Protein backbone atom coordinates (compact mmCIF):
# COMPACT_ATOMS: atom_id res chain seq x y z
CA MET A 1 33.53 31.93 -42.28
CA PHE A 2 32.78 35.01 -44.37
CA ASN A 3 29.49 35.15 -46.14
CA LEU A 4 29.95 36.90 -49.47
CA LYS A 5 26.25 36.71 -50.19
CA LYS A 6 24.61 39.64 -48.43
CA GLU A 7 21.46 38.70 -46.60
CA ILE A 8 19.21 41.03 -44.70
CA LEU A 9 19.26 40.25 -41.00
CA GLU A 10 16.46 41.18 -38.67
CA PHE A 11 17.27 41.75 -35.02
CA ASN A 12 14.06 40.64 -33.38
CA HIS A 13 15.40 40.02 -29.88
CA LYS A 14 16.65 43.54 -29.11
CA LYS A 15 14.33 44.07 -26.15
CA GLN A 16 15.18 40.68 -24.69
CA CYS A 17 18.93 41.26 -25.02
CA GLY A 18 18.60 44.77 -23.61
CA LEU A 19 16.74 43.53 -20.54
CA TRP A 20 19.32 40.79 -20.02
CA LEU A 21 22.24 43.24 -20.25
CA ILE A 22 20.55 45.64 -17.80
CA LEU A 23 20.00 42.80 -15.33
CA ILE A 24 23.61 41.61 -15.73
CA GLY A 25 24.77 45.17 -15.04
CA ILE A 26 22.74 45.23 -11.82
CA VAL A 27 24.15 41.83 -10.83
CA LEU A 28 27.67 43.10 -11.52
CA ILE A 29 27.13 46.15 -9.31
CA ILE A 30 25.79 43.96 -6.49
CA SER A 31 28.76 41.60 -6.96
CA ILE A 32 31.18 44.52 -6.68
CA ILE A 33 29.48 45.74 -3.49
CA CYS A 34 29.73 42.22 -2.00
CA GLY A 35 33.18 41.66 -3.48
CA GLY A 36 35.47 41.86 -0.47
CA LYS A 37 38.89 40.40 -1.31
CA PHE A 38 37.58 39.12 -4.67
CA PHE A 39 36.80 42.67 -5.95
CA VAL A 40 33.83 41.11 -7.76
CA ASN A 41 32.27 38.32 -5.74
CA PRO A 42 32.23 35.34 -8.15
CA PHE A 43 29.55 33.46 -6.25
CA VAL A 44 27.08 36.35 -6.30
CA PHE A 45 27.95 37.08 -9.92
CA LEU A 46 27.53 33.50 -11.16
CA ILE A 47 24.26 32.93 -9.30
CA GLY A 48 22.89 36.24 -10.57
CA TYR A 49 24.21 35.67 -14.08
CA TYR A 50 22.53 32.30 -14.45
CA ALA A 51 19.32 33.45 -12.75
CA CYS A 52 19.08 36.38 -15.18
CA PHE A 53 20.02 34.19 -18.16
CA PHE A 54 17.33 31.63 -17.44
CA GLY A 55 14.83 34.26 -16.34
CA VAL A 56 15.12 36.25 -19.57
CA ASN A 57 16.49 33.97 -22.31
CA VAL A 58 14.98 30.61 -21.36
CA ASN A 59 11.64 31.76 -19.95
CA LYS A 60 9.12 31.34 -22.81
CA ARG A 61 6.68 33.96 -21.53
CA VAL A 62 9.37 36.64 -21.36
CA ARG A 63 10.78 35.64 -24.77
CA GLU A 64 7.37 35.75 -26.44
CA LYS A 65 6.51 39.09 -24.86
CA LEU A 66 9.77 40.82 -25.79
CA SER A 67 10.66 39.20 -29.14
CA GLN A 68 9.39 40.56 -32.42
CA GLY A 69 10.02 37.42 -34.48
CA ASN A 70 12.52 34.62 -35.07
CA ILE A 71 16.23 34.92 -35.72
CA SER A 72 17.97 33.49 -38.78
CA LYS A 73 20.15 30.39 -38.95
CA LYS A 74 23.21 32.61 -39.50
CA GLN A 75 22.46 34.51 -36.28
CA ILE A 76 22.12 31.25 -34.34
CA ASN A 77 25.53 30.14 -35.68
CA MET A 78 26.99 33.52 -34.69
CA ILE A 79 25.65 33.06 -31.15
CA TYR A 80 27.26 29.62 -30.80
CA PHE A 81 30.55 30.82 -32.27
CA SER A 82 30.74 33.88 -30.01
CA ILE A 83 29.95 31.85 -26.86
CA ALA A 84 32.70 29.35 -27.75
CA ALA A 85 35.08 32.22 -28.50
CA LEU A 86 34.21 33.85 -25.16
CA PHE A 87 35.24 30.77 -23.17
CA ILE A 88 38.42 30.27 -25.21
CA LEU A 89 39.37 33.93 -24.77
CA MET A 90 38.66 33.83 -21.03
CA PHE A 91 40.83 30.75 -20.69
CA CYS A 92 43.69 32.32 -22.67
CA ILE A 93 43.56 35.83 -21.18
CA ALA A 94 42.42 35.28 -17.57
CA GLY A 95 43.49 31.67 -17.11
CA PRO A 96 47.20 32.29 -16.43
CA PHE A 97 46.32 34.44 -13.40
CA ILE A 98 44.08 31.88 -11.68
CA PRO A 99 46.86 29.78 -10.00
CA GLY A 100 48.24 32.90 -8.27
CA TRP A 101 44.76 34.18 -7.31
CA HIS A 102 45.48 37.62 -8.80
CA TRP A 103 41.89 38.81 -8.75
CA ARG A 104 42.41 42.12 -10.54
CA GLN A 105 44.14 40.42 -13.46
CA ILE A 106 41.54 37.65 -13.54
CA TRP A 107 38.62 40.08 -13.73
CA LEU A 108 40.47 42.30 -16.20
CA GLY A 109 41.03 39.23 -18.38
CA VAL A 110 37.38 38.23 -18.13
CA LEU A 111 36.21 41.73 -19.07
CA MET A 112 38.71 41.92 -21.94
CA ALA A 113 37.57 38.53 -23.24
CA THR A 114 33.94 39.66 -23.04
CA SER A 115 34.64 42.83 -25.00
CA ILE A 116 36.70 41.00 -27.64
CA HIS A 117 33.94 38.43 -28.16
CA PHE A 118 31.51 41.27 -28.95
CA PHE A 119 33.94 42.62 -31.56
CA LEU A 120 33.93 39.24 -33.30
CA TRP A 121 30.32 39.87 -34.29
CA PHE A 122 31.24 43.08 -36.09
CA PHE A 123 34.55 42.19 -37.70
CA PHE A 124 33.98 38.59 -38.73
CA PHE A 125 30.28 38.60 -39.54
CA GLU A 126 29.90 42.08 -41.04
CA ILE A 127 26.78 43.09 -39.21
């Protein structure tokens, strides 16, 4: 898991990731406004999340305009590992609260899992 050989990584998708995070923040605010008993409306959030994901990360024109080059094989592996870790963490942290429909604990677990999966990049991959 640890790469003892230091390689220089280039972060060529900063603008693309920044735009995606800004759009997800806007979607989260709209989901909170429409939340009602859910606190964060999951339907609005999921539709907005996937629309922003495909609109920014899958759309070739946006990718080509915002990217400054390609990413390395190690960075691609880190992306796959962190996405898998995110779903495992969400299942372990937020999953126990789903049967009781405890929405505050569910969303707290989802947000905690999201923050922990970002830390994996720094602590396990020494960026």
